[in-house]
Amino acid sequence: MHTVRTAGVPVQRTGIPIRSALVAATAAVALALGVGAVAVVARSPADAPPAGPGTVPVGAPPPRPAAAAAAPAVPARLLLPDLGVNAPVESVGVGADGQLGVPVDPAVVGWWPDGAAPGSGRGTVVIDGHVNTRAGGPGALSRLHVLRPGAGATVLTDAGAVRYVVQVVRSYPKETLPAEVFDSAGPPRLVLITCGGAFDRHTRQYADNVVAYATPEPPARASTPG
């Protein structure tokens, strides 16, 4: 296992290469969210055709904040009610070796704090997790591939709950994970990432990455007197 220091705190990782140019459109990414490492090269969305129903929420201008931005909300738990997921969240970082951390415990998911924070007015909240590990069994995101559009996703933070609605779940071959998955300047959204597809027992690598895209839940409409 590798160790990466993020803000002076050692983070034990299982090998998730993700280059420092991640936030650029030419970022090269590799995720090891399953039993073995999975190399993933991020390319433009045009190189990665849709692999599932729904529409990836990109392109719309982000809303302007009504007031000065508050301190970023730090996520504590991820709730996916349709999958029975209630997982603790740990911060994970990108080291000098270009690797993004994943919590060692498959029951825990990792938040990339250099991306957006839950509740931010723009950018992608990136949360990753193991699909499984040899020692720990199925991970918190092991059934991400069956999540359907319209499902709810809630991130509990130190500032309260931030709710999202899943728009689409897609599976990308590891060579074609779009760089825009990690967009830090676009419309606000939540992206959940794990591994999937065929597992090569010789290389101990999964063929694909499964990505769920979710957008902030719209505010409830006030009832109008009849």
Protein backbone atom coordinates (compact mmCIF):
# COMPACT_ATOMS: atom_id res chain seq x y z
CA MET A 1 0.00 0.00 0.00
CA HIS A 2 1.08 3.59 -0.51
CA THR A 3 0.87 6.50 1.88
CA VAL A 4 0.14 10.06 0.80
CA ARG A 5 0.24 13.03 3.12
CA THR A 6 -2.65 15.43 2.79
CA ALA A 7 -2.52 18.55 4.92
CA GLY A 8 0.12 16.84 7.03
CA VAL A 9 -1.99 13.77 7.77
CA PRO A 10 -0.89 10.37 6.41
CA VAL A 11 -3.54 8.76 4.22
CA GLN A 12 -3.13 5.09 3.51
CA ARG A 13 -4.06 4.21 -0.03
CA THR A 14 -4.30 1.25 -2.32
CA GLY A 15 -2.92 2.83 -5.48
CA ILE A 16 -5.18 5.25 -7.39
CA PRO A 17 -3.03 7.16 -9.86
CA ILE A 18 -4.46 10.53 -10.76
CA ARG A 19 -2.16 13.11 -12.26
CA SER A 20 -1.77 16.60 -10.83
CA ALA A 21 -3.30 17.99 -14.03
CA LEU A 22 -6.58 16.30 -13.10
CA VAL A 23 -8.61 19.48 -13.20
CA ALA A 24 -7.44 20.24 -16.73
CA ALA A 25 -9.17 18.75 -19.75
CA THR A 26 -6.08 16.67 -20.52
CA ALA A 27 -5.90 15.05 -17.09
CA ALA A 28 -4.78 11.44 -16.95
CA VAL A 29 -6.46 9.41 -14.24
CA ALA A 30 -6.18 5.93 -12.87
CA LEU A 31 -8.53 4.59 -10.23
CA ALA A 32 -8.07 1.50 -8.11
CA LEU A 33 -11.44 1.22 -6.46
CA GLY A 34 -11.69 -2.54 -6.42
CA VAL A 35 -9.53 -5.48 -5.52
CA GLY A 36 -6.73 -4.42 -7.86
CA ALA A 37 -5.52 -1.28 -9.55
CA VAL A 38 -7.43 0.00 -12.55
CA ALA A 39 -5.59 2.36 -14.88
CA VAL A 40 -7.89 5.00 -16.34
CA VAL A 41 -6.89 7.70 -18.83
CA ALA A 42 -9.21 10.69 -18.81
CA ARG A 43 -10.14 11.95 -22.24
CA SER A 44 -12.71 14.34 -23.64
CA PRO A 45 -16.41 13.36 -23.37
CA ALA A 46 -16.50 12.92 -27.14
CA ASP A 47 -14.23 9.91 -26.77
CA ALA A 48 -16.60 8.27 -24.30
CA PRO A 49 -20.07 7.55 -25.72
CA PRO A 50 -22.98 7.20 -23.30
CA ALA A 51 -23.21 3.82 -21.60
CA GLY A 52 -26.57 4.20 -19.92
CA PRO A 53 -29.87 6.10 -19.84
CA GLY A 54 -30.20 9.69 -18.79
CA THR A 55 -28.24 12.84 -19.44
CA VAL A 56 -24.93 13.83 -17.90
CA PRO A 57 -25.54 17.16 -16.16
CA VAL A 58 -22.96 19.46 -17.74
CA GLY A 59 -23.06 22.70 -19.65
CA ALA A 60 -25.68 24.70 -17.75
CA PRO A 61 -24.34 27.88 -16.11
CA PRO A 62 -23.96 27.58 -12.35
CA PRO A 63 -26.31 29.69 -10.22
CA ARG A 64 -24.87 32.84 -8.72
CA PRO A 65 -24.59 32.75 -4.94
CA ALA A 66 -27.05 35.03 -3.19
CA ALA A 67 -24.56 35.87 -0.48
CA ALA A 68 -20.88 35.61 0.31
CA ALA A 69 -19.66 32.03 0.28
CA ALA A 70 -19.49 30.36 3.67
CA ALA A 71 -16.74 28.01 4.81
CA PRO A 72 -16.76 24.75 2.80
CA ALA A 73 -18.96 22.05 4.28
CA VAL A 74 -16.98 18.95 5.20
CA PRO A 75 -18.85 15.71 4.41
CA ALA A 76 -19.26 13.15 7.17
CA ARG A 77 -21.57 10.50 5.66
CA LEU A 78 -22.98 9.47 2.28
CA LEU A 79 -26.55 8.18 2.17
CA LEU A 80 -27.95 6.26 -0.81
CA PRO A 81 -31.34 5.05 0.47
CA ASP A 82 -32.18 3.02 -2.64
CA LEU A 83 -29.04 0.95 -2.08
CA GLY A 84 -29.17 0.86 1.71
CA VAL A 85 -25.90 2.79 1.91
CA ASN A 86 -25.00 4.85 4.98
CA ALA A 87 -21.24 5.22 4.69
CA PRO A 88 -18.76 7.35 6.59
CA VAL A 89 -16.70 9.76 4.49
CA GLU A 90 -12.98 10.44 4.79
CA SER A 91 -10.97 13.09 2.98
CA VAL A 92 -8.52 11.72 0.42
CA GLY A 93 -5.79 13.58 -1.39
CA VAL A 94 -3.62 13.53 -4.47
CA GLY A 95 0.04 12.94 -3.74
CA ALA A 96 3.17 14.03 -5.54
CA ASP A 97 3.12 10.66 -7.28
CA GLY A 98 -0.19 11.60 -8.90
CA GLN A 99 -2.34 9.12 -6.99
CA LEU A 100 -5.74 9.81 -5.47
CA GLY A 101 -6.49 8.11 -2.20
CA VAL A 102 -9.28 5.66 -1.46
CA PRO A 103 -10.09 4.70 2.14
CA VAL A 104 -8.65 1.31 3.03
CA ASP A 105 -11.92 0.19 4.62
CA PRO A 106 -14.34 -0.65 1.77
CA ALA A 107 -17.24 0.44 3.97
CA VAL A 108 -15.85 4.00 3.93
CA VAL A 109 -15.93 6.37 0.94
CA GLY A 110 -13.45 9.10 0.09
CA TRP A 111 -14.07 12.79 -0.65
CA TRP A 112 -11.58 14.78 -2.72
CA PRO A 113 -11.39 18.17 -0.92
CA ASP A 114 -9.53 19.83 -3.80
CA GLY A 115 -12.75 19.51 -5.79
CA ALA A 116 -16.01 21.11 -4.72
CA ALA A 117 -17.55 20.87 -1.27
CA PRO A 118 -21.16 19.75 -0.83
CA GLY A 119 -23.48 22.70 -1.18
CA SER A 120 -21.02 24.75 -3.24
CA GLY A 121 -22.48 26.93 -5.96
CA ARG A 122 -20.27 25.41 -8.64
CA GLY A 123 -18.02 22.45 -9.33
CA THR A 124 -18.10 18.70 -8.85
CA VAL A 125 -18.17 17.01 -5.47
CA VAL A 126 -16.07 13.88 -6.09
CA ILE A 127 -16.62 10.85 -3.85
CA ASP A 128 -14.96 7.53 -4.62
CA GLY A 129 -14.98 4.11 -3.03
CA HIS A 130 -14.06 0.48 -3.43
CA VAL A 131 -16.38 -1.87 -5.24
CA ASN A 132 -14.83 -4.58 -3.05
CA THR A 133 -11.56 -5.69 -1.48
CA ARG A 134 -10.13 -9.12 -0.88
CA ALA A 135 -10.06 -8.65 2.89
CA GLY A 136 -13.12 -6.48 3.41
CA GLY A 137 -15.60 -7.87 0.89
CA PRO A 138 -18.16 -5.68 -0.93
CA GLY A 139 -17.62 -1.95 -0.70
CA ALA A 140 -20.11 0.80 0.04
CA LEU A 141 -20.39 1.50 -3.70
CA SER A 142 -20.52 -2.13 -4.82
CA ARG A 143 -24.07 -1.72 -6.21
CA LEU A 144 -23.60 1.72 -7.71
CA HIS A 145 -24.22 0.31 -11.17
CA VAL A 146 -27.87 -0.48 -10.32
CA LEU A 147 -28.71 3.01 -9.05
CA ARG A 148 -31.45 4.53 -11.21
CA PRO A 149 -32.13 8.12 -12.34
CA GLY A 150 -34.33 9.87 -9.81
CA ALA A 151 -32.76 8.12 -6.82
CA GLY A 152 -31.79 10.32 -3.91
CA ALA A 153 -28.26 10.86 -2.60
CA THR A 154 -27.58 12.81 0.57
CA VAL A 155 -24.27 14.03 1.90
CA LEU A 156 -24.34 14.78 5.62
CA THR A 157 -21.89 17.55 6.48
CA ASP A 158 -20.83 19.54 9.49
CA ALA A 159 -23.16 22.26 8.20
CA GLY A 160 -26.21 20.07 7.56
CA ALA A 161 -27.57 17.74 4.87
CA VAL A 162 -27.03 18.40 1.16
CA ARG A 163 -29.43 16.47 -1.06
CA TYR A 164 -28.93 15.42 -4.66
CA VAL A 165 -30.95 13.60 -7.30
CA VAL A 166 -29.24 11.02 -9.51
CA GLN A 167 -29.51 11.93 -13.19
CA VAL A 168 -27.59 9.12 -14.88
CA VAL A 169 -25.23 6.23 -14.13
CA ARG A 170 -22.65 5.40 -16.76
CA SER A 171 -19.92 2.84 -17.21
CA TYR A 172 -16.76 3.87 -19.03
CA PRO A 173 -13.92 1.65 -20.23
CA LYS A 174 -10.92 2.52 -18.11
CA GLU A 175 -9.20 4.23 -21.05
CA THR A 176 -12.04 6.69 -21.66
CA LEU A 177 -13.06 8.14 -18.30
CA PRO A 178 -13.91 11.77 -19.22
CA ALA A 179 -11.76 14.49 -17.66
CA GLU A 180 -14.93 16.52 -17.07
CA VAL A 181 -15.90 14.05 -14.35
CA PHE A 182 -13.54 16.08 -12.14
CA ASP A 183 -14.65 19.53 -13.35
CA SER A 184 -14.20 22.09 -10.59
CA ALA A 185 -15.71 25.11 -12.32
CA GLY A 186 -18.96 23.89 -13.92
CA PRO A 187 -22.47 23.57 -12.52
CA PRO A 188 -22.82 22.10 -9.03
CA ARG A 189 -23.17 18.34 -8.93
CA LEU A 190 -22.12 15.17 -7.12
CA VAL A 191 -20.14 12.42 -8.81
CA LEU A 192 -19.72 8.95 -7.30
CA ILE A 193 -17.01 6.71 -8.75
CA THR A 194 -16.15 3.05 -8.32
CA CYS A 195 -14.95 0.16 -10.46
CA GLY A 196 -17.00 -2.30 -12.47
CA GLY A 197 -17.15 -4.46 -15.54
CA ALA A 198 -15.12 -7.60 -16.05
CA PHE A 199 -12.47 -8.48 -13.49
CA ASP A 200 -9.17 -9.88 -14.74
CA ARG A 201 -7.96 -12.33 -12.11
CA HIS A 202 -4.48 -12.34 -13.61
CA THR A 203 -3.91 -8.58 -13.48
CA ARG A 204 -6.43 -8.07 -10.64
CA GLN A 205 -7.94 -5.15 -12.51
CA TYR A 206 -11.47 -4.18 -13.42
CA ALA A 207 -12.16 -3.17 -16.99
CA ASP A 208 -14.45 -0.21 -16.30
CA ASN A 209 -15.28 2.67 -14.02
CA VAL A 210 -18.88 3.20 -12.93
CA VAL A 211 -19.84 6.85 -12.49
CA ALA A 212 -23.09 8.20 -11.04
CA TYR A 213 -23.92 11.84 -11.77
CA ALA A 214 -26.30 13.72 -9.47
CA THR A 215 -27.49 17.32 -9.30
CA PRO A 216 -28.70 19.31 -6.31
CA GLU A 217 -32.27 18.57 -5.29
CA PRO A 218 -34.48 21.50 -6.31
CA PRO A 219 -36.09 23.42 -3.47
CA ALA A 220 -39.61 22.35 -2.64
CA ARG A 221 -42.20 24.51 -4.35
CA ALA A 222 -44.24 26.60 -1.99
CA SER A 223 -47.91 25.72 -2.09
CA THR A 224 -50.15 28.29 -3.73
CA PRO A 225 -53.56 29.00 -2.17
CA GLY A 226 -56.39 27.81 -4.41
